[in-house]
Amino acid sequence: MATKKDDIAKLSFEEALGELESIVRDLESGSRKLDEAIDAYERGAALKKHCEAALLKAQTRIDKISLAPDGTPQTELVNIE
């Protein structure tokens, strides 16, 4: 199970999360040989990074950071309709 960044980059958040959950279940079962487990762990780490980036992008789209009149930062929800 090679970690291919281009392959992972094409996955939607839901697809990546589903695959990551599957890898976690598989690793927790202890059924893989050591080399296979390491490969799966590497792919899982890449999937986790992809999911975190997707969540950050979504949060950025929703939250708008601005300054209040007193100069303190405030968060405003962005209407994405």
C-alpha atoms as a PDB file:
ATOM      1  CA  MET A   1       0.000   0.000   0.000  1.00  0.00           C
ATOM      2  CA  ALA A   2       2.157   2.847  -1.232  1.00  0.00           C
ATOM      3  CA  THR A   3       1.441   6.385  -0.190  1.00  0.00           C
ATOM      4  CA  LYS A   4       0.683   8.305  -3.361  1.00  0.00           C
ATOM      5  CA  LYS A   5       0.049  11.969  -2.641  1.00  0.00           C
ATOM      6  CA  ASP A   6      -1.641  12.555  -6.008  1.00  0.00           C
ATOM      7  CA  ASP A   7      -3.978   9.638  -5.326  1.00  0.00           C
ATOM      8  CA  ILE A   8      -4.881  10.990  -1.886  1.00  0.00           C
ATOM      9  CA  ALA A   9      -5.225  14.574  -3.127  1.00  0.00           C
ATOM     10  CA  LYS A  10      -8.022  13.455  -5.466  1.00  0.00           C
ATOM     11  CA  LEU A  11     -10.088  11.990  -2.623  1.00  0.00           C
ATOM     12  CA  SER A  12     -12.999  13.879  -1.116  1.00  0.00           C
ATOM     13  CA  PHE A  13     -12.942  14.447   2.632  1.00  0.00           C
ATOM     14  CA  GLU A  14     -15.520  11.704   3.123  1.00  0.00           C
ATOM     15  CA  GLU A  15     -13.598   9.194   0.988  1.00  0.00           C
ATOM     16  CA  ALA A  16     -10.326   9.932   2.781  1.00  0.00           C
ATOM     17  CA  LEU A  17     -11.939   9.717   6.213  1.00  0.00           C
ATOM     18  CA  GLY A  18     -13.606   6.415   5.331  1.00  0.00           C
ATOM     19  CA  GLU A  19     -10.329   4.926   4.147  1.00  0.00           C
ATOM     20  CA  LEU A  20      -8.535   6.247   7.240  1.00  0.00           C
ATOM     21  CA  GLU A  21     -11.151   4.678   9.526  1.00  0.00           C
ATOM     22  CA  SER A  22     -10.765   1.378   7.674  1.00  0.00           C
ATOM     23  CA  ILE A  23      -6.980   1.476   8.085  1.00  0.00           C
ATOM     24  CA  VAL A  24      -7.316   2.208  11.806  1.00  0.00           C
ATOM     25  CA  ARG A  25      -9.698  -0.738  12.307  1.00  0.00           C
ATOM     26  CA  ASP A  26      -7.361  -2.987  10.335  1.00  0.00           C
ATOM     27  CA  LEU A  27      -4.287  -1.916  12.303  1.00  0.00           C
ATOM     28  CA  GLU A  28      -6.123  -2.306  15.607  1.00  0.00           C
ATOM     29  CA  SER A  29      -7.016  -5.884  14.678  1.00  0.00           C
ATOM     30  CA  GLY A  30      -3.321  -6.770  14.440  1.00  0.00           C
ATOM     31  CA  SER A  31      -3.891  -8.942  11.383  1.00  0.00           C
ATOM     32  CA  ARG A  32      -1.219  -7.394   9.136  1.00  0.00           C
ATOM     33  CA  LYS A  33       2.414  -8.334   8.861  1.00  0.00           C
ATOM     34  CA  LEU A  34       4.861  -5.713  10.113  1.00  0.00           C
ATOM     35  CA  ASP A  35       5.824  -4.315   6.691  1.00  0.00           C
ATOM     36  CA  GLU A  36       2.181  -4.130   5.617  1.00  0.00           C
ATOM     37  CA  ALA A  37       1.253  -2.434   8.892  1.00  0.00           C
ATOM     38  CA  ILE A  38       3.989   0.173   8.401  1.00  0.00           C
ATOM     39  CA  ASP A  39       2.802   0.869   4.842  1.00  0.00           C
ATOM     40  CA  ALA A  40      -0.794   1.169   6.068  1.00  0.00           C
ATOM     41  CA  TYR A  41       0.318   3.485   8.876  1.00  0.00           C
ATOM     42  CA  GLU A  42       2.142   5.726   6.386  1.00  0.00           C
ATOM     43  CA  ARG A  43      -0.931   5.925   4.165  1.00  0.00           C
ATOM     44  CA  GLY A  44      -3.079   6.604   7.212  1.00  0.00           C
ATOM     45  CA  ALA A  45      -0.815   9.481   8.232  1.00  0.00           C
ATOM     46  CA  ALA A  46      -1.103  10.971   4.734  1.00  0.00           C
ATOM     47  CA  LEU A  47      -4.894  10.543   4.797  1.00  0.00           C
ATOM     48  CA  LYS A  48      -5.042  12.233   8.214  1.00  0.00           C
ATOM     49  CA  LYS A  49      -3.060  15.180   6.876  1.00  0.00           C
ATOM     50  CA  HIS A  50      -5.406  15.425   3.863  1.00  0.00           C
ATOM     51  CA  CYS A  51      -8.483  15.368   6.126  1.00  0.00           C
ATOM     52  CA  GLU A  52      -7.032  18.025   8.422  1.00  0.00           C
ATOM     53  CA  ALA A  53      -6.303  20.271   5.427  1.00  0.00           C
ATOM     54  CA  ALA A  54      -9.846  19.800   4.118  1.00  0.00           C
ATOM     55  CA  LEU A  55     -11.307  20.684   7.521  1.00  0.00           C
ATOM     56  CA  LEU A  56      -9.121  23.772   7.774  1.00  0.00           C
ATOM     57  CA  LYS A  57     -10.205  24.869   4.307  1.00  0.00           C
ATOM     58  CA  ALA A  58     -13.850  24.389   5.257  1.00  0.00           C
ATOM     59  CA  GLN A  59     -13.393  26.305   8.507  1.00  0.00           C
ATOM     60  CA  THR A  60     -11.708  29.154   6.646  1.00  0.00           C
ATOM     61  CA  ARG A  61     -14.617  29.349   4.232  1.00  0.00           C
ATOM     62  CA  ILE A  62     -17.089  29.562   7.105  1.00  0.00           C
ATOM     63  CA  ASP A  63     -15.224  31.844   9.487  1.00  0.00           C
ATOM     64  CA  LYS A  64     -14.333  35.377   8.577  1.00  0.00           C
ATOM     65  CA  ILE A  65     -11.817  37.048  10.812  1.00  0.00           C
ATOM     66  CA  SER A  66     -12.214  40.786  11.173  1.00  0.00           C
ATOM     67  CA  LEU A  67     -11.314  43.514  13.628  1.00  0.00           C
ATOM     68  CA  ALA A  68     -13.853  45.012  15.982  1.00  0.00           C
ATOM     69  CA  PRO A  69     -13.950  48.803  16.349  1.00  0.00           C
ATOM     70  CA  ASP A  70     -11.721  48.490  19.439  1.00  0.00           C
ATOM     71  CA  GLY A  71      -9.085  46.586  17.420  1.00  0.00           C
ATOM     72  CA  THR A  72      -9.723  43.156  18.899  1.00  0.00           C
ATOM     73  CA  PRO A  73     -10.212  40.247  16.519  1.00  0.00           C
ATOM     74  CA  GLN A  74     -13.704  38.867  16.128  1.00  0.00           C
ATOM     75  CA  THR A  75     -15.098  35.969  14.159  1.00  0.00           C
ATOM     76  CA  GLU A  76     -18.139  36.381  11.971  1.00  0.00           C
ATOM     77  CA  LEU A  77     -19.963  33.460  10.427  1.00  0.00           C
ATOM     78  CA  VAL A  78     -20.052  33.719   6.668  1.00  0.00           C
ATOM     79  CA  ASN A  79     -23.324  32.953   4.933  1.00  0.00           C
ATOM     80  CA  ILE A  80     -22.385  30.569   2.112  1.00  0.00           C
ATOM     81  CA  GLU A  81     -25.832  30.377   0.520  1.00  0.00           C
END
